[in-house]
N, C-alpha and C. Protein backbone atom coordinates (compact mmCIF):
# COMPACT_ATOMS: atom_id res chain seq x y z
N GLN A 1 -6.13 -31.00 -55.36
CA GLN A 1 -7.42 -30.47 -54.94
C GLN A 1 -7.37 -28.97 -55.06
N VAL A 2 -8.53 -28.43 -55.59
CA VAL A 2 -8.70 -26.91 -55.60
C VAL A 2 -9.98 -26.70 -54.84
N GLN A 3 -9.78 -25.73 -53.90
CA GLN A 3 -11.12 -25.18 -53.26
C GLN A 3 -11.34 -23.83 -53.92
N LEU A 4 -12.61 -23.55 -54.23
CA LEU A 4 -13.05 -22.31 -54.78
C LEU A 4 -14.08 -21.68 -53.94
N LEU A 5 -13.93 -20.39 -53.71
CA LEU A 5 -14.87 -19.56 -52.91
C LEU A 5 -15.33 -18.32 -53.65
N GLU A 6 -16.66 -18.29 -53.95
CA GLU A 6 -17.08 -17.15 -54.61
C GLU A 6 -17.66 -16.07 -53.64
N SER A 7 -17.67 -14.86 -54.11
CA SER A 7 -18.24 -13.76 -53.34
C SER A 7 -18.59 -12.67 -54.30
N GLY A 8 -19.38 -11.63 -53.78
CA GLY A 8 -19.76 -10.50 -54.58
C GLY A 8 -21.18 -10.55 -55.09
N GLY A 9 -21.95 -11.57 -54.74
CA GLY A 9 -23.24 -11.63 -55.21
C GLY A 9 -24.17 -10.67 -54.42
N GLY A 10 -25.37 -10.51 -54.76
CA GLY A 10 -26.30 -9.66 -54.05
C GLY A 10 -27.53 -9.25 -54.84
N LEU A 11 -28.28 -8.24 -54.25
CA LEU A 11 -29.39 -7.78 -55.00
C LEU A 11 -29.07 -6.43 -55.62
N VAL A 12 -29.56 -6.31 -56.90
CA VAL A 12 -29.20 -5.14 -57.69
C VAL A 12 -30.49 -4.83 -58.57
N GLN A 13 -30.67 -3.54 -58.92
CA GLN A 13 -31.65 -3.26 -59.85
C GLN A 13 -31.31 -3.44 -61.28
N ALA A 14 -32.22 -3.68 -62.10
CA ALA A 14 -31.90 -3.87 -63.53
C ALA A 14 -31.12 -2.66 -64.07
N GLY A 15 -30.14 -3.02 -64.82
CA GLY A 15 -29.18 -1.97 -65.33
C GLY A 15 -28.00 -1.73 -64.48
N GLY A 16 -28.08 -2.31 -63.28
CA GLY A 16 -26.85 -2.13 -62.47
C GLY A 16 -25.71 -3.09 -62.65
N SER A 17 -24.74 -2.97 -61.78
CA SER A 17 -23.53 -3.82 -62.04
C SER A 17 -23.17 -4.60 -60.74
N LEU A 18 -22.47 -5.68 -60.90
CA LEU A 18 -21.95 -6.38 -59.76
C LEU A 18 -20.54 -7.02 -60.30
N ARG A 19 -19.64 -7.10 -59.35
CA ARG A 19 -18.44 -7.89 -59.66
C ARG A 19 -18.26 -9.12 -58.76
N LEU A 20 -18.31 -10.30 -59.41
CA LEU A 20 -18.05 -11.58 -58.59
C LEU A 20 -16.53 -11.91 -58.48
N SER A 21 -16.16 -12.38 -57.40
CA SER A 21 -14.81 -12.80 -57.26
C SER A 21 -14.79 -14.38 -56.90
N CYS A 22 -13.73 -15.02 -57.34
CA CYS A 22 -13.57 -16.40 -56.98
C CYS A 22 -12.18 -16.68 -56.61
N VAL A 23 -11.91 -16.94 -55.34
CA VAL A 23 -10.57 -17.12 -54.79
C VAL A 23 -10.33 -18.61 -54.77
N ALA A 24 -9.21 -19.03 -55.24
CA ALA A 24 -8.82 -20.41 -55.28
C ALA A 24 -7.75 -20.76 -54.21
N SER A 25 -7.81 -21.87 -53.72
CA SER A 25 -6.79 -22.32 -52.71
C SER A 25 -6.53 -23.80 -52.98
N GLY A 26 -5.39 -24.25 -52.44
CA GLY A 26 -5.10 -25.66 -52.56
C GLY A 26 -4.02 -25.88 -53.58
N ARG A 27 -4.07 -24.97 -54.60
CA ARG A 27 -3.05 -25.05 -55.69
C ARG A 27 -3.16 -23.71 -56.54
N SER A 28 -2.17 -23.51 -57.25
CA SER A 28 -2.16 -22.35 -58.11
C SER A 28 -3.18 -22.60 -59.34
N ILE A 29 -3.75 -21.48 -59.75
CA ILE A 29 -4.66 -21.58 -60.93
C ILE A 29 -3.93 -21.33 -62.23
N ARG A 30 -2.56 -21.09 -62.05
CA ARG A 30 -1.76 -20.95 -63.28
C ARG A 30 -1.88 -22.13 -64.16
N GLY A 31 -2.11 -21.98 -65.42
CA GLY A 31 -2.23 -23.13 -66.32
C GLY A 31 -3.59 -23.75 -66.29
N ILE A 32 -4.60 -23.30 -65.56
CA ILE A 32 -5.95 -23.83 -65.49
C ILE A 32 -6.96 -22.91 -66.18
N THR A 33 -7.76 -23.43 -66.99
CA THR A 33 -8.85 -22.63 -67.56
C THR A 33 -9.94 -22.62 -66.45
N MET A 34 -10.48 -21.31 -66.19
CA MET A 34 -11.41 -21.09 -65.25
C MET A 34 -12.77 -20.60 -65.87
N GLY A 35 -13.78 -21.00 -65.26
CA GLY A 35 -15.07 -20.62 -65.83
C GLY A 35 -16.04 -20.21 -64.76
N TRP A 36 -17.12 -19.50 -65.29
CA TRP A 36 -18.31 -19.14 -64.50
C TRP A 36 -19.51 -19.86 -65.10
N PHE A 37 -20.33 -20.34 -64.17
CA PHE A 37 -21.54 -20.94 -64.67
C PHE A 37 -22.75 -20.27 -63.77
N ARG A 38 -23.99 -20.56 -64.21
CA ARG A 38 -25.01 -20.07 -63.34
C ARG A 38 -26.27 -21.02 -63.48
N GLN A 39 -27.04 -21.02 -62.39
CA GLN A 39 -28.22 -21.88 -62.40
C GLN A 39 -29.27 -20.97 -61.88
N ALA A 40 -30.40 -20.83 -62.74
CA ALA A 40 -31.64 -20.13 -62.33
C ALA A 40 -32.57 -21.07 -61.78
N PRO A 41 -33.50 -20.63 -60.98
CA PRO A 41 -34.48 -21.53 -60.38
C PRO A 41 -35.20 -22.34 -61.36
N GLY A 42 -35.29 -23.72 -61.23
CA GLY A 42 -35.91 -24.49 -62.16
C GLY A 42 -35.36 -24.79 -63.46
N LYS A 43 -34.04 -24.23 -63.58
CA LYS A 43 -33.31 -24.54 -64.86
C LYS A 43 -32.05 -25.18 -64.57
N GLU A 44 -31.41 -25.77 -65.64
CA GLU A 44 -30.20 -26.49 -65.47
C GLU A 44 -29.02 -25.40 -65.39
N ARG A 45 -27.94 -25.89 -64.82
CA ARG A 45 -26.72 -25.00 -64.77
C ARG A 45 -26.23 -24.76 -66.20
N ALA A 46 -25.91 -23.48 -66.41
CA ALA A 46 -25.48 -23.02 -67.78
C ALA A 46 -24.18 -22.32 -67.87
N PHE A 47 -23.54 -22.52 -68.86
CA PHE A 47 -22.22 -21.80 -69.00
C PHE A 47 -22.41 -20.25 -69.21
N VAL A 48 -21.46 -19.47 -68.51
CA VAL A 48 -21.62 -18.10 -68.67
C VAL A 48 -20.22 -17.53 -69.42
N ALA A 49 -19.15 -17.88 -68.81
CA ALA A 49 -17.88 -17.35 -69.41
C ALA A 49 -16.78 -18.28 -68.91
N ALA A 50 -15.62 -18.18 -69.74
CA ALA A 50 -14.46 -18.88 -69.34
C ALA A 50 -13.29 -18.19 -69.82
N ILE A 51 -12.08 -18.44 -69.15
CA ILE A 51 -10.88 -17.76 -69.52
C ILE A 51 -9.70 -18.76 -69.40
N THR A 52 -8.93 -18.82 -70.43
CA THR A 52 -7.76 -19.70 -70.41
C THR A 52 -6.77 -19.30 -69.50
N TRP A 53 -5.70 -20.05 -69.36
CA TRP A 53 -4.59 -19.68 -68.39
C TRP A 53 -3.89 -18.40 -68.82
N SER A 54 -3.83 -18.26 -70.15
CA SER A 54 -3.08 -17.05 -70.69
C SER A 54 -3.96 -15.80 -70.78
N SER A 55 -5.20 -15.99 -70.51
CA SER A 55 -6.16 -14.86 -70.55
C SER A 55 -6.30 -14.20 -72.01
N THR A 56 -5.76 -14.94 -73.00
CA THR A 56 -5.83 -14.34 -74.41
C THR A 56 -7.17 -14.75 -75.14
N SER A 57 -7.85 -15.68 -74.52
CA SER A 57 -9.07 -16.04 -75.24
C SER A 57 -10.28 -16.28 -74.32
N PRO A 58 -10.71 -15.25 -73.74
CA PRO A 58 -12.04 -15.33 -72.95
C PRO A 58 -13.19 -15.64 -73.94
N TYR A 59 -14.11 -16.44 -73.51
CA TYR A 59 -15.30 -16.61 -74.27
C TYR A 59 -16.49 -16.61 -73.44
N TYR A 60 -17.58 -16.30 -74.00
CA TYR A 60 -18.86 -16.06 -73.30
C TYR A 60 -20.05 -16.70 -73.96
N ALA A 61 -21.12 -16.93 -73.17
CA ALA A 61 -22.33 -17.23 -73.63
C ALA A 61 -22.93 -16.05 -74.41
N ASP A 62 -23.77 -16.36 -75.43
CA ASP A 62 -24.30 -15.29 -76.23
C ASP A 62 -25.15 -14.35 -75.38
N SER A 63 -25.75 -14.87 -74.33
CA SER A 63 -26.66 -14.04 -73.57
C SER A 63 -26.03 -13.03 -72.72
N VAL A 64 -24.66 -13.12 -72.51
CA VAL A 64 -23.98 -12.10 -71.72
C VAL A 64 -22.91 -11.37 -72.46
N LYS A 65 -22.64 -11.73 -73.76
CA LYS A 65 -21.61 -11.07 -74.53
C LYS A 65 -21.95 -9.64 -74.60
N GLY A 66 -20.93 -8.82 -74.38
CA GLY A 66 -20.93 -7.40 -74.41
C GLY A 66 -21.35 -6.80 -73.05
N ARG A 67 -21.79 -7.59 -72.13
CA ARG A 67 -22.26 -7.12 -70.79
C ARG A 67 -21.38 -7.56 -69.71
N PHE A 68 -20.86 -8.80 -69.91
CA PHE A 68 -20.05 -9.41 -68.82
C PHE A 68 -18.56 -9.52 -69.31
N THR A 69 -17.65 -9.46 -68.33
CA THR A 69 -16.27 -9.52 -68.58
C THR A 69 -15.63 -10.51 -67.60
N ILE A 70 -14.97 -11.54 -68.07
CA ILE A 70 -14.18 -12.48 -67.15
C ILE A 70 -12.70 -12.07 -67.26
N SER A 71 -12.09 -12.13 -66.09
CA SER A 71 -10.76 -11.72 -65.98
C SER A 71 -10.10 -12.60 -64.86
N ARG A 72 -8.73 -12.62 -64.82
CA ARG A 72 -8.17 -13.35 -63.75
C ARG A 72 -6.83 -12.67 -63.26
N ASP A 73 -6.40 -12.86 -62.16
CA ASP A 73 -5.16 -12.42 -61.52
C ASP A 73 -4.49 -13.59 -60.94
N ASN A 74 -3.64 -14.21 -61.70
CA ASN A 74 -2.93 -15.39 -61.29
C ASN A 74 -2.20 -15.21 -60.06
N ALA A 75 -1.53 -14.05 -59.84
CA ALA A 75 -0.80 -13.78 -58.63
C ALA A 75 -1.66 -13.83 -57.36
N LYS A 76 -2.93 -13.39 -57.60
CA LYS A 76 -3.83 -13.55 -56.35
C LYS A 76 -4.73 -14.80 -56.40
N ASN A 77 -4.54 -15.69 -57.42
CA ASN A 77 -5.19 -16.85 -57.48
C ASN A 77 -6.74 -16.58 -57.50
N THR A 78 -7.11 -15.61 -58.26
CA THR A 78 -8.44 -15.13 -58.24
C THR A 78 -8.90 -14.92 -59.70
N VAL A 79 -10.29 -15.23 -59.87
CA VAL A 79 -10.90 -14.99 -61.14
C VAL A 79 -12.14 -14.12 -60.81
N TYR A 80 -12.33 -13.18 -61.85
CA TYR A 80 -13.44 -12.22 -61.60
C TYR A 80 -14.48 -12.28 -62.76
N LEU A 81 -15.68 -11.95 -62.35
CA LEU A 81 -16.80 -11.78 -63.40
C LEU A 81 -17.43 -10.39 -63.15
N GLN A 82 -17.00 -9.42 -64.05
CA GLN A 82 -17.67 -8.13 -63.99
C GLN A 82 -18.93 -8.21 -64.80
N MET A 83 -20.09 -7.90 -64.13
CA MET A 83 -21.36 -7.94 -64.79
C MET A 83 -21.98 -6.55 -64.83
N ASN A 84 -22.21 -6.06 -66.05
CA ASN A 84 -22.88 -4.70 -66.25
C ASN A 84 -24.12 -4.93 -66.94
N SER A 85 -24.94 -3.87 -66.93
CA SER A 85 -26.25 -3.82 -67.56
C SER A 85 -27.02 -5.11 -67.18
N LEU A 86 -27.15 -5.41 -66.02
CA LEU A 86 -27.82 -6.64 -65.49
C LEU A 86 -29.29 -6.54 -65.84
N LYS A 87 -29.83 -7.72 -66.08
CA LYS A 87 -31.18 -7.90 -66.37
C LYS A 87 -31.86 -8.81 -65.44
N PRO A 88 -33.17 -8.80 -65.29
CA PRO A 88 -33.77 -9.72 -64.35
C PRO A 88 -33.47 -11.19 -64.70
N GLU A 89 -33.35 -11.51 -65.99
CA GLU A 89 -33.13 -12.89 -66.43
C GLU A 89 -31.60 -13.37 -66.02
N ASP A 90 -30.93 -12.44 -65.56
CA ASP A 90 -29.58 -12.86 -65.09
C ASP A 90 -29.55 -13.41 -63.60
N THR A 91 -30.66 -13.35 -63.00
CA THR A 91 -30.93 -13.78 -61.60
C THR A 91 -30.65 -15.34 -61.65
N ALA A 92 -29.68 -15.63 -60.74
CA ALA A 92 -29.26 -17.08 -60.62
C ALA A 92 -28.21 -17.20 -59.54
N VAL A 93 -27.95 -18.40 -59.20
CA VAL A 93 -26.74 -18.76 -58.39
C VAL A 93 -25.55 -18.87 -59.34
N TYR A 94 -24.53 -18.16 -59.09
CA TYR A 94 -23.28 -18.17 -59.97
C TYR A 94 -22.24 -19.00 -59.29
N TYR A 95 -21.63 -19.85 -60.17
CA TYR A 95 -20.63 -20.71 -59.73
C TYR A 95 -19.27 -20.55 -60.40
N CYS A 96 -18.23 -20.67 -59.73
CA CYS A 96 -16.94 -20.68 -60.27
C CYS A 96 -16.47 -22.10 -60.41
N ALA A 97 -15.70 -22.35 -61.52
CA ALA A 97 -15.32 -23.74 -61.72
C ALA A 97 -13.82 -23.77 -62.36
N ALA A 98 -13.12 -24.77 -62.03
CA ALA A 98 -11.78 -24.97 -62.52
C ALA A 98 -11.68 -26.25 -63.33
N GLN A 99 -11.07 -26.08 -64.58
CA GLN A 99 -10.84 -27.12 -65.42
C GLN A 99 -9.51 -27.70 -65.32
N VAL A 100 -9.29 -28.52 -64.28
CA VAL A 100 -7.95 -29.01 -64.04
C VAL A 100 -7.54 -30.13 -64.99
N ARG A 101 -8.47 -30.91 -65.34
CA ARG A 101 -8.23 -31.98 -66.31
C ARG A 101 -8.98 -31.74 -67.58
N THR A 102 -9.80 -32.54 -68.06
CA THR A 102 -10.43 -32.32 -69.37
C THR A 102 -11.88 -31.70 -69.16
N THR A 103 -12.39 -31.60 -67.93
CA THR A 103 -13.72 -31.17 -67.62
C THR A 103 -13.51 -30.18 -66.40
N TYR A 104 -14.68 -29.48 -66.21
CA TYR A 104 -14.57 -28.59 -65.01
C TYR A 104 -14.86 -29.60 -63.84
N ASP A 105 -13.86 -29.89 -63.09
CA ASP A 105 -13.87 -30.77 -62.00
C ASP A 105 -13.80 -30.26 -60.64
N TYR A 106 -13.72 -28.98 -60.45
CA TYR A 106 -13.78 -28.43 -59.17
C TYR A 106 -14.68 -27.18 -59.22
N TRP A 107 -15.56 -27.11 -58.20
CA TRP A 107 -16.69 -26.02 -58.16
C TRP A 107 -16.72 -25.41 -56.84
N GLY A 108 -17.05 -24.12 -56.83
CA GLY A 108 -17.43 -23.34 -55.73
C GLY A 108 -18.79 -23.68 -55.23
N GLN A 109 -19.21 -23.07 -54.04
CA GLN A 109 -20.53 -23.34 -53.46
C GLN A 109 -21.45 -22.39 -54.12
N GLY A 110 -21.12 -21.39 -54.75
CA GLY A 110 -22.08 -20.50 -55.48
C GLY A 110 -22.40 -19.19 -54.72
N THR A 111 -22.66 -18.15 -55.43
CA THR A 111 -23.17 -16.96 -54.83
C THR A 111 -24.35 -16.44 -55.57
N GLN A 112 -25.40 -15.96 -54.82
CA GLN A 112 -26.66 -15.58 -55.40
C GLN A 112 -26.55 -14.19 -55.94
N VAL A 113 -27.05 -14.13 -57.13
CA VAL A 113 -27.29 -12.79 -57.84
C VAL A 113 -28.70 -12.67 -58.13
N THR A 114 -29.30 -11.52 -57.64
CA THR A 114 -30.77 -11.27 -57.87
C THR A 114 -30.86 -9.87 -58.44
N VAL A 115 -31.52 -9.79 -59.63
CA VAL A 115 -31.68 -8.56 -60.41
C VAL A 115 -33.20 -8.28 -60.36
N SER A 116 -33.60 -7.08 -59.73
CA SER A 116 -34.92 -6.74 -59.68
C SER A 116 -35.30 -5.84 -60.88
N SER A 117 -36.52 -5.94 -61.27
CA SER A 117 -36.97 -5.11 -62.38
C SER A 117 -37.57 -3.80 -62.00
């Protein structure tokens, strides 16, 4: 079992930055691909970014490429999402997820990000 706890969300003006954190407990995240997803009001949950256990191959949704950076600190059992140049369309609840088996099978409770224009 993996428990995930996100933090760092909030209200920011367009063009601003936020850094989200996701702390895992219950087991080490070493060897696990970790991801960030988001769900805007009235929309389905969407992939944002993911990072493999080795951190050598982060990948991003086209909508955030060049603005968001995913990283991990295995020693702290933590994954981060640095979000720069935020836009109103980035407003959503952001979720951290762990891919322990073949799918993302553990999820956090989410943290709200609101970007004002």
